[in-house]
């Protein structure tokens, strides 16, 4: 059992459970989390998960929603309100991207898509802004493929950066310069994507 001080009060209990689930999703993914481990992390009785969230699934959705909302807010701040966030800024929301990656790897797209269903998806916001700037139709598969590659590049780089640097033979002293070059190239990808003369 945890040495944590018991959490009291309904809002405090809910917040502690959501925070525990956010951390758990990022650390081990949805499948490895049990209601008992989540309750222990939060310092509450595991029955409170069912009481407040209807069970583990409800809690995981609430946690994913909280992570997405935090990422949404951080993204708006980093981009000064613009729809397209700066390249690699996703790296600053570690719990969010790790939770997404773990959910997708485990095949839990329903959990990963909570942000889309709730209308707080940074990639979807960026997609719509780029589609508008490029004058692309909703059914333009070439445009969707380009967006998909941009998303894959951002998410893949953030998730695998140390391994990518190893594969690209980037020394420790070159790390910051390499990252800046990656950001520059990603910015070029966005510029190319939204060009109307493509």
Protein backbone atom coordinates (compact mmCIF):
# COMPACT_ATOMS: atom_id res chain seq x y z
CA UNK A 1 0.00 0.00 0.00
CA UNK A 2 1.10 3.54 -0.69
CA UNK A 3 2.40 5.88 2.02
CA UNK A 4 0.39 8.71 0.44
CA UNK A 5 -1.95 10.76 2.58
CA UNK A 6 -5.55 9.69 1.84
CA UNK A 7 -7.37 12.01 -0.54
CA UNK A 8 -10.64 13.45 0.78
CA UNK A 9 -13.54 15.36 -0.78
CA UNK A 10 -15.27 14.43 -4.03
CA UNK A 11 -13.46 16.96 -6.27
CA UNK A 12 -10.09 16.10 -4.71
CA UNK A 13 -10.75 12.39 -5.16
CA UNK A 14 -11.76 12.86 -8.81
CA UNK A 15 -8.72 15.06 -9.50
CA UNK A 16 -6.38 12.59 -7.80
CA UNK A 17 -7.82 9.70 -9.80
CA UNK A 18 -7.56 11.56 -13.11
CA UNK A 19 -3.98 12.61 -12.32
CA UNK A 20 -3.07 9.02 -11.41
CA UNK A 21 -4.65 7.77 -14.64
CA UNK A 22 -2.84 10.44 -16.71
CA UNK A 23 0.49 9.31 -15.28
CA UNK A 24 -0.39 5.63 -15.64
CA UNK A 25 -1.46 5.99 -19.28
CA UNK A 26 1.84 7.69 -20.08
CA UNK A 27 3.96 5.21 -18.10
CA UNK A 28 2.42 1.82 -18.88
CA UNK A 29 -0.61 2.29 -21.15
CA UNK A 30 -4.26 1.46 -20.62
CA UNK A 31 -4.03 -2.32 -20.59
CA UNK A 32 -1.55 -2.57 -17.71
CA UNK A 33 -3.55 -0.31 -15.41
CA UNK A 34 -5.86 -1.88 -12.86
CA UNK A 35 -8.46 -0.11 -10.76
CA UNK A 36 -6.56 -1.11 -7.63
CA UNK A 37 -3.26 0.31 -8.92
CA UNK A 38 -4.96 3.51 -10.04
CA UNK A 39 -6.65 3.92 -6.66
CA UNK A 40 -3.38 3.25 -4.86
CA UNK A 41 -1.60 5.83 -7.00
CA UNK A 42 -4.35 8.34 -6.13
CA UNK A 43 -4.47 7.42 -2.45
CA UNK A 44 -8.16 6.47 -2.54
CA UNK A 45 -10.35 3.37 -2.24
CA UNK A 46 -10.70 1.57 -5.59
CA UNK A 47 -14.50 1.62 -5.25
CA UNK A 48 -14.39 5.36 -5.84
CA UNK A 49 -13.35 4.77 -9.45
CA UNK A 50 -16.70 3.10 -10.10
CA UNK A 51 -18.53 5.68 -7.99
CA UNK A 52 -17.16 8.71 -9.84
CA UNK A 53 -16.36 7.34 -13.28
CA UNK A 54 -18.48 4.20 -13.71
CA UNK A 55 -15.33 2.06 -13.81
CA UNK A 56 -11.82 1.97 -15.22
CA UNK A 57 -12.90 2.84 -18.77
CA UNK A 58 -14.65 6.03 -17.70
CA UNK A 59 -11.61 7.08 -15.68
CA UNK A 60 -9.24 6.40 -18.59
CA UNK A 61 -11.42 8.49 -20.92
CA UNK A 62 -11.49 11.31 -18.36
CA UNK A 63 -7.70 11.13 -18.09
CA UNK A 64 -7.18 11.13 -21.86
CA UNK A 65 -9.54 14.09 -22.11
CA UNK A 66 -7.55 15.93 -19.43
CA UNK A 67 -4.28 15.21 -21.24
CA UNK A 68 -5.73 16.39 -24.57
CA UNK A 69 -7.15 19.55 -22.98
CA UNK A 70 -3.78 20.32 -21.41
CA UNK A 71 -2.05 19.78 -24.77
CA UNK A 72 -4.68 21.97 -26.49
CA UNK A 73 -4.09 24.79 -24.01
CA UNK A 74 -0.30 24.46 -24.16
CA UNK A 75 -0.41 24.40 -27.95
CA UNK A 76 -2.42 27.62 -28.12
CA UNK A 77 0.00 29.27 -25.73
CA UNK A 78 3.09 28.11 -27.65
CA UNK A 79 1.65 29.23 -30.97
CA UNK A 80 0.29 32.55 -29.65
CA UNK A 81 -3.23 31.41 -30.56
CA UNK A 82 -2.37 30.20 -34.06
CA UNK A 83 -3.86 26.87 -35.17
CA UNK A 84 -0.53 25.41 -36.26
CA UNK A 85 1.82 24.86 -33.33
CA UNK A 86 5.59 25.27 -33.64
CA UNK A 87 7.47 22.22 -34.91
CA UNK A 88 8.37 19.69 -32.21
CA UNK A 89 6.46 21.57 -29.50
CA UNK A 90 4.61 18.30 -28.97
CA UNK A 91 7.77 17.10 -27.20
CA UNK A 92 6.93 19.41 -24.30
CA UNK A 93 3.70 17.50 -23.55
CA UNK A 94 5.36 14.21 -22.69
CA UNK A 95 2.48 12.58 -20.81
CA UNK A 96 0.09 13.39 -23.64
CA UNK A 97 2.12 11.94 -26.50
CA UNK A 98 3.22 8.91 -24.49
CA UNK A 99 -0.40 8.16 -23.54
CA UNK A 100 -1.47 8.48 -27.20
CA UNK A 101 1.35 6.26 -28.43
CA UNK A 102 0.67 3.60 -25.79
CA UNK A 103 -3.07 3.58 -26.50
CA UNK A 104 -2.49 3.25 -30.25
CA UNK A 105 0.13 0.52 -29.84
CA UNK A 106 -2.36 -1.41 -27.72
CA UNK A 107 -5.01 -0.98 -30.41
CA UNK A 108 -7.21 1.27 -28.26
CA UNK A 109 -8.15 3.83 -30.89
CA UNK A 110 -11.36 4.64 -29.04
CA UNK A 111 -9.29 5.98 -26.16
CA UNK A 112 -6.83 7.74 -28.45
CA UNK A 113 -9.64 9.49 -30.34
CA UNK A 114 -11.23 11.06 -27.25
CA UNK A 115 -9.65 14.39 -28.24
CA UNK A 116 -11.25 14.21 -31.69
CA UNK A 117 -14.67 13.36 -30.28
CA UNK A 118 -14.43 16.24 -27.81
CA UNK A 119 -13.23 18.74 -30.42
CA UNK A 120 -9.90 19.44 -28.69
CA UNK A 121 -7.52 17.81 -31.12
CA UNK A 122 -4.46 19.90 -31.95
CA UNK A 123 -3.70 17.88 -35.11
CA UNK A 124 -7.29 18.26 -36.32
CA UNK A 125 -7.20 22.02 -35.62
CA UNK A 126 -3.94 22.27 -37.58
CA UNK A 127 -5.36 20.10 -40.38
CA UNK A 128 -8.35 22.40 -40.83
CA UNK A 129 -6.17 25.51 -40.82
CA UNK A 130 -3.79 24.03 -43.40
CA UNK A 131 -6.66 22.75 -45.52
CA UNK A 132 -8.17 26.24 -45.55
CA UNK A 133 -4.85 27.93 -46.37
CA UNK A 134 -4.16 25.45 -49.16
CA UNK A 135 -7.70 25.60 -50.51
CA UNK A 136 -7.83 21.79 -50.41
CA UNK A 137 -11.12 19.96 -50.67
CA UNK A 138 -12.29 17.73 -47.81
CA UNK A 139 -11.84 14.65 -50.01
CA UNK A 140 -8.34 15.56 -51.30
CA UNK A 141 -6.42 12.35 -50.55
CA UNK A 142 -3.09 13.80 -51.65
CA UNK A 143 -3.50 16.60 -49.08
CA UNK A 144 -4.54 14.08 -46.40
CA UNK A 145 -1.49 11.94 -47.19
CA UNK A 146 0.80 14.96 -46.83
CA UNK A 147 -0.82 15.86 -43.50
CA UNK A 148 -0.49 12.23 -42.40
CA UNK A 149 3.22 12.26 -43.18
CA UNK A 150 3.67 15.52 -41.31
CA UNK A 151 1.87 14.13 -38.25
CA UNK A 152 3.86 10.89 -38.47
CA UNK A 153 7.09 12.84 -38.74
CA UNK A 154 6.31 15.00 -35.70
CA UNK A 155 5.02 12.17 -33.52
CA UNK A 156 7.69 9.72 -34.65
CA UNK A 157 10.48 12.18 -34.05
CA UNK A 158 9.22 13.11 -30.59
CA UNK A 159 8.73 9.47 -29.58
CA UNK A 160 11.98 8.17 -31.04
CA UNK A 161 14.38 11.13 -30.94
CA UNK A 162 17.26 9.41 -29.08
CA UNK A 163 17.12 6.44 -31.45
CA UNK A 164 16.81 8.70 -34.50
CA UNK A 165 19.92 10.62 -33.40
CA UNK A 166 21.75 7.31 -32.97
CA UNK A 167 20.73 6.12 -36.44
CA UNK A 168 21.66 9.47 -38.00
CA UNK A 169 25.07 9.38 -36.28
CA UNK A 170 24.43 12.61 -34.37
CA UNK A 171 26.91 13.16 -31.56
CA UNK A 172 25.97 14.65 -28.19
CA UNK A 173 27.55 17.99 -29.12
CA UNK A 174 25.42 18.12 -32.29
CA UNK A 175 22.07 17.38 -30.61
CA UNK A 176 20.74 20.95 -30.31
CA UNK A 177 21.81 21.89 -33.84
CA UNK A 178 20.31 18.68 -35.22
CA UNK A 179 17.00 19.36 -33.46
CA UNK A 180 16.94 22.91 -34.87
CA UNK A 181 17.53 21.54 -38.37
CA UNK A 182 14.67 19.06 -37.89
CA UNK A 183 12.38 21.93 -36.80
CA UNK A 184 13.43 23.93 -39.85
CA UNK A 185 12.70 21.01 -42.21
CA UNK A 186 9.32 20.41 -40.57
CA UNK A 187 8.48 24.08 -41.04
CA UNK A 188 9.38 23.71 -44.71
CA UNK A 189 7.04 20.72 -44.92
CA UNK A 190 4.19 22.85 -43.54
CA UNK A 191 4.99 25.70 -45.95
CA UNK A 192 5.02 23.31 -48.89
CA UNK A 193 1.76 21.76 -47.76
CA UNK A 194 -0.16 25.03 -47.55
CA UNK A 195 1.19 26.49 -50.78
CA UNK A 196 -1.74 27.10 -53.09
CA UNK A 197 0.35 26.54 -56.26
CA UNK A 198 1.25 22.91 -55.47
